[in-house]
Protein backbone atom coordinates (compact mmCIF):
# COMPACT_ATOMS: atom_id res chain seq x y z
CA MET A 1 75.57 -46.58 15.30
CA ALA A 2 73.28 -47.87 12.71
CA ASN A 3 70.52 -45.54 11.49
CA ARG A 4 67.90 -45.38 8.49
CA TYR A 5 70.40 -44.70 6.09
CA SER A 6 72.64 -47.70 6.76
CA THR A 7 70.91 -50.05 4.12
CA ASN A 8 70.16 -47.39 1.65
CA TYR A 9 71.97 -48.41 -1.69
CA ARG A 10 71.93 -44.99 -3.18
CA MET A 11 73.02 -43.11 0.12
CA ASN A 12 75.89 -45.41 0.33
CA ARG A 13 77.06 -44.81 -3.15
CA VAL A 14 76.96 -40.84 -2.52
CA LEU A 15 78.47 -41.04 0.94
CA ARG A 16 81.01 -43.73 1.20
CA ASP A 17 82.11 -45.67 4.74
CA ASP A 18 85.65 -45.09 4.16
CA ARG A 19 86.15 -41.65 2.98
CA ALA A 20 84.44 -38.15 2.98
CA ALA A 21 82.79 -37.76 -0.72
CA LEU A 22 84.48 -35.63 -3.32
CA ILE A 23 82.08 -34.76 -5.62
CA VAL A 24 83.02 -32.48 -8.61
CA PRO A 25 79.88 -29.95 -9.47
CA ILE A 26 79.56 -29.46 -13.26
CA ASP A 27 75.78 -28.38 -13.29
CA HIS A 28 76.44 -24.66 -13.15
CA GLY A 29 75.36 -23.98 -16.82
CA LEU A 30 71.64 -24.80 -15.67
CA VAL A 31 71.42 -21.22 -13.85
CA TRP A 32 74.37 -19.51 -15.33
CA GLY A 33 74.62 -20.70 -18.81
CA ARG A 34 77.98 -20.67 -20.46
CA VAL A 35 80.33 -20.75 -17.19
CA GLU A 36 84.18 -19.89 -17.78
CA ALA A 37 86.20 -23.08 -17.75
CA LEU A 38 82.94 -25.35 -18.17
CA GLU A 39 82.11 -24.33 -21.75
CA ALA A 40 82.41 -28.35 -22.59
CA PRO A 41 80.97 -29.80 -19.36
CA VAL A 42 81.47 -33.54 -20.42
CA GLN A 43 85.14 -32.78 -21.56
CA VAL A 44 85.58 -31.47 -17.96
CA MET A 45 84.06 -34.67 -16.67
CA ARG A 46 86.28 -36.70 -18.57
CA ARG A 47 89.37 -34.83 -17.22
CA TYR A 48 88.12 -35.75 -13.54
CA ILE A 49 86.77 -39.14 -13.86
CA PRO A 50 90.68 -40.76 -13.78
CA MET A 51 91.15 -38.92 -10.72
CA ASP A 52 90.66 -39.96 -6.93
CA ILE A 53 87.24 -38.60 -6.73
CA THR A 54 83.66 -40.32 -5.77
CA GLY A 55 81.21 -38.43 -8.01
CA PHE A 56 79.96 -35.63 -9.81
CA MET A 57 77.02 -33.27 -9.58
CA VAL A 58 75.15 -32.73 -13.10
CA SER A 59 72.16 -31.62 -14.92
CA ALA A 60 69.84 -33.88 -16.72
CA GLY A 61 71.60 -32.75 -19.92
CA ILE A 62 75.04 -33.82 -18.63
CA VAL A 63 73.70 -37.40 -17.62
CA LYS A 64 72.24 -37.88 -20.86
CA GLN A 65 75.67 -36.91 -22.70
CA SER A 66 77.75 -38.83 -20.57
CA GLU A 67 76.30 -41.91 -20.43
CA VAL A 68 78.64 -43.83 -22.04
CA ASP A 69 81.48 -42.29 -19.81
CA LEU A 70 79.84 -43.13 -16.66
CA ALA A 71 79.08 -46.57 -17.48
CA LYS A 72 82.73 -47.16 -17.71
CA ALA A 73 83.29 -45.49 -14.44
CA SER A 74 80.19 -46.69 -12.35
CA HIS A 75 81.95 -46.51 -9.12
CA LEU A 76 81.31 -42.67 -9.28
CA ALA A 77 78.10 -41.30 -8.14
CA ARG A 78 75.99 -38.97 -9.68
CA VAL A 79 73.98 -36.14 -7.93
CA LEU A 80 71.01 -34.61 -10.17
CA ALA A 81 70.18 -30.89 -9.88
CA ILE A 82 66.42 -30.87 -10.51
CA ASP A 83 65.72 -27.12 -9.96
CA ALA A 84 66.94 -23.94 -10.84
CA PHE A 85 66.35 -20.05 -10.08
CA TRP A 86 66.34 -17.26 -12.40
CA PRO A 87 67.85 -14.82 -12.33
CA THR A 88 70.34 -15.50 -9.54
CA SER A 89 71.15 -11.44 -9.38
CA ALA A 90 67.62 -10.76 -8.36
CA PRO A 91 66.35 -12.88 -5.65
CA GLU A 92 63.62 -10.70 -4.37
CA THR A 93 61.93 -10.82 -7.91
CA GLY A 94 63.15 -14.15 -9.22
CA THR A 95 61.38 -17.37 -9.56
CA GLY A 96 62.28 -21.10 -8.94
CA CYS A 97 61.10 -23.95 -10.74
CA MET A 98 61.62 -27.52 -11.48
CA ALA A 99 63.98 -28.48 -14.19
CA ALA A 100 63.71 -32.27 -13.89
CA SER A 101 61.18 -34.85 -11.91
CA VAL A 102 62.18 -37.64 -9.40
CA GLU A 103 60.88 -40.08 -12.20
CA ASP A 104 63.48 -38.68 -14.43
CA ALA A 105 66.01 -39.20 -11.79
CA ALA A 106 64.97 -42.67 -11.21
CA ARG A 107 64.90 -43.19 -15.10
CA LEU A 108 68.42 -41.85 -15.48
CA GLY A 109 69.68 -44.06 -12.60
CA VAL A 110 71.27 -41.18 -10.60
CA ASP A 111 71.93 -41.45 -7.04
CA CYS A 112 70.60 -38.34 -5.52
CA VAL A 113 68.69 -35.33 -6.13
CA LYS A 114 69.57 -31.79 -5.13
CA MET A 115 67.47 -28.85 -4.72
CA LEU A 116 68.35 -25.03 -3.92
CA MET A 117 66.76 -23.43 -0.80
CA PRO A 118 67.37 -19.84 -1.56
CA TRP A 119 65.96 -17.85 1.38
CA ASN A 120 66.52 -14.16 0.45
CA VAL A 121 63.33 -14.28 -1.62
CA ASN A 122 59.92 -13.12 -1.29
CA ASP A 123 57.68 -14.41 1.28
CA ALA A 124 55.47 -16.11 -1.70
CA GLU A 125 58.63 -17.87 -3.37
CA LYS A 126 59.52 -19.24 0.19
CA ILE A 127 56.04 -20.98 0.34
CA ASN A 128 56.62 -22.12 -3.25
CA TYR A 129 59.83 -23.74 -2.27
CA CYS A 130 58.61 -25.50 0.77
CA ARG A 131 55.56 -26.83 -1.11
CA ARG A 132 58.11 -28.01 -4.04
CA ILE A 133 60.59 -29.74 -1.68
CA GLY A 134 58.02 -31.43 0.50
CA ALA A 135 56.41 -33.03 -2.48
CA ILE A 136 60.07 -34.02 -3.94
CA ILE A 137 61.24 -35.42 -0.83
CA ALA A 138 57.76 -37.35 -0.36
CA GLU A 139 58.35 -38.54 -4.29
CA ALA A 140 62.05 -39.33 -3.88
CA ASP A 141 61.33 -41.55 -0.84
CA LYS A 142 59.01 -43.66 -2.56
CA TRP A 143 61.99 -44.30 -5.04
CA GLY A 144 64.58 -44.91 -2.29
CA ILE A 145 66.56 -41.51 -3.81
CA PRO A 146 68.13 -39.32 -1.26
CA THR A 147 67.31 -35.54 -1.25
CA MET A 148 70.13 -33.17 -0.98
CA LEU A 149 68.88 -29.54 0.01
CA GLU A 150 71.18 -26.34 -0.48
CA PRO A 151 70.30 -23.47 1.80
CA VAL A 152 71.54 -20.30 0.04
CA PHE A 153 71.40 -16.40 -0.11
CA LEU A 154 71.49 -15.78 -3.51
CA ASN A 155 73.92 -12.78 -4.89
CA SER A 156 75.03 -11.99 -1.33
CA PRO A 157 78.40 -11.36 0.13
CA ARG A 158 79.51 -14.21 2.74
CA THR A 159 79.28 -11.92 5.70
CA PRO A 160 79.07 -13.20 9.46
CA GLU A 161 75.24 -12.53 9.27
CA ILE A 162 74.87 -14.43 5.95
CA ILE A 163 76.47 -17.25 7.32
CA GLU A 164 74.47 -17.38 10.52
CA ALA A 165 71.27 -16.94 8.34
CA GLU A 166 72.51 -19.92 6.38
CA MET A 167 72.64 -22.02 9.44
CA GLU A 168 69.21 -21.07 10.35
CA VAL A 169 67.96 -22.21 6.88
CA ALA A 170 69.67 -25.47 7.12
CA ARG A 171 67.26 -26.14 10.07
CA VAL A 172 64.49 -25.39 7.73
CA CYS A 173 65.84 -27.95 5.23
CA TYR A 174 66.38 -30.61 8.28
CA ASP A 175 62.60 -30.25 9.05
CA LEU A 176 61.37 -30.50 5.27
CA GLY A 177 63.20 -33.67 5.55
CA ALA A 178 66.73 -33.22 3.81
CA ASP A 179 68.68 -36.54 3.68
CA ILE A 180 72.01 -34.31 2.99
CA ILE A 181 72.64 -30.52 3.61
CA LYS A 182 75.08 -28.91 1.43
CA ILE A 183 76.01 -25.78 2.75
CA THR A 184 78.77 -23.27 1.55
CA PHE A 185 81.71 -23.85 4.36
CA PRO A 186 80.74 -21.63 7.35
CA GLY A 187 83.88 -22.27 9.29
CA PRO A 188 85.22 -25.32 11.34
CA ASP A 189 82.92 -24.31 14.55
CA ALA A 190 79.87 -23.66 12.64
CA THR A 191 80.14 -26.94 10.53
CA ASP A 192 81.02 -28.62 13.88
CA LYS A 193 77.71 -27.00 15.30
CA LEU A 194 75.62 -28.11 12.40
CA CYS A 195 76.74 -31.47 12.37
CA ASN A 196 76.12 -32.15 16.07
CA GLU A 197 72.63 -30.35 15.92
CA LEU A 198 71.10 -32.13 12.93
CA ASP A 199 72.87 -35.42 12.84
CA ILE A 200 72.34 -35.80 9.09
CA PRO A 201 75.12 -35.79 6.69
CA ILE A 202 76.31 -32.52 5.81
CA VAL A 203 78.28 -31.57 2.79
CA VAL A 204 80.39 -28.28 2.25
CA ALA A 205 80.28 -26.58 -0.96
CA GLY A 206 83.45 -24.30 -2.23
CA GLY A 207 81.65 -21.62 -3.85
CA PRO A 208 83.31 -19.39 -6.38
CA LEU A 209 87.00 -19.36 -7.47
CA SER A 210 88.62 -17.06 -4.45
CA GLY A 211 91.67 -17.07 -2.58
CA ASP A 212 94.54 -19.28 -3.47
CA ALA A 213 94.78 -23.11 -3.77
CA ALA A 214 96.77 -23.32 -0.26
CA SER A 215 93.60 -21.48 1.41
CA THR A 216 90.86 -23.81 -0.41
CA VAL A 217 92.81 -27.24 0.55
CA ALA A 218 93.12 -25.75 4.08
CA ASP A 219 89.37 -24.99 4.33
CA ILE A 220 88.30 -28.32 3.08
CA LYS A 221 90.80 -29.88 5.56
CA ASN A 222 88.94 -27.97 8.22
CA ALA A 223 85.47 -29.17 7.21
CA VAL A 224 86.17 -32.73 6.88
CA GLU A 225 87.86 -32.65 10.37
CA ALA A 226 84.76 -30.65 11.69
CA GLY A 227 82.29 -33.46 10.65
CA ALA A 228 81.48 -32.71 6.93
CA GLN A 229 80.80 -36.22 5.20
CA GLY A 230 81.71 -34.67 1.85
CA VAL A 231 82.66 -31.76 -0.19
CA VAL A 232 81.34 -30.35 -3.35
CA VAL A 233 84.25 -28.58 -4.99
CA GLY A 234 84.18 -27.25 -8.71
CA ARG A 235 85.11 -23.75 -9.65
CA LYS A 236 87.61 -23.37 -7.01
CA ILE A 237 89.38 -26.23 -8.85
CA TRP A 238 88.49 -26.52 -12.37
CA GLN A 239 88.74 -22.84 -13.09
CA ARG A 240 92.48 -22.91 -12.10
CA PRO A 241 95.23 -24.03 -14.58
CA ALA A 242 95.13 -27.63 -15.19
CA GLU A 243 98.33 -28.66 -13.72
CA GLU A 244 97.35 -26.68 -10.37
CA ALA A 245 94.10 -28.16 -10.25
CA ALA A 246 95.40 -31.62 -10.69
CA ASP A 247 97.53 -30.95 -7.73
CA MET A 248 94.69 -29.64 -5.54
CA MET A 249 92.65 -32.76 -6.07
CA GLU A 250 95.24 -35.04 -4.96
CA GLN A 251 95.57 -33.05 -1.66
CA ILE A 252 91.82 -33.03 -1.35
CA ALA A 253 91.52 -36.57 -2.10
CA GLU A 254 93.96 -37.53 0.79
CA ILE A 255 92.28 -35.21 3.00
CA THR A 256 88.98 -37.17 2.29
CA ARG A 257 90.42 -40.24 3.35
CA SER A 258 92.80 -39.60 6.09
CA SER A 259 90.80 -36.66 7.97
CA PHE A 260 87.43 -38.21 7.57
CA THR A 261 85.09 -39.53 10.75
CA ARG A 262 81.88 -41.15 9.49
CA ARG A 263 78.85 -39.63 11.42
CA TRP A 264 75.86 -41.60 10.36
């Protein structure tokens, strides 16, 4: 059924109608600095550009350093992370801040802006986030730039309680006006529930390197079959040996085509 996203140019670059999005995030340095296997982010990008992906999640610095590469691969979307939180190891005392603006995003020609929504922070920080996100969404709407929000409990093990809490924060993201919600895969049942309840595009994140390749691929298949409109998978791929990573990307790309149902 047609809805307000149907004619939005940038949304249709981020989320295509023929497959689930397969976005490779390489923006980790914005929060964690020199991440293993991502010491040279544009080199990592160049390794994945020829693969069957749909885009990258990047920082403003990476956009500037990869302009020529992405101009030659203009079919790939770019999601720009515009905020950060430091330190992630101490959410109760840490602080979030803006790292770029919506005007920067428009000037850089990206397709979407992404913001964190950490919720195991103090009440004052929650208020700051809601104010910032509300203002960013209002500004992004003026430019026709979709906003992706990421509910997260920083530095917390993924227990059933945390997964359930992330589902609750996803609803806060929805009410703030998110166009896309990015959530660490909560399992197929929870993904299906979230897709049905909110009826806006849900994309699932891979998270840190863990488990074997087969379990990662299986989780992605389950997520897409449950209604996820895309996957954002980085460390679980590019922190593995190059040959293994390439094989995984081939399998995941096939899943994004064969298991996908467009829901918006």
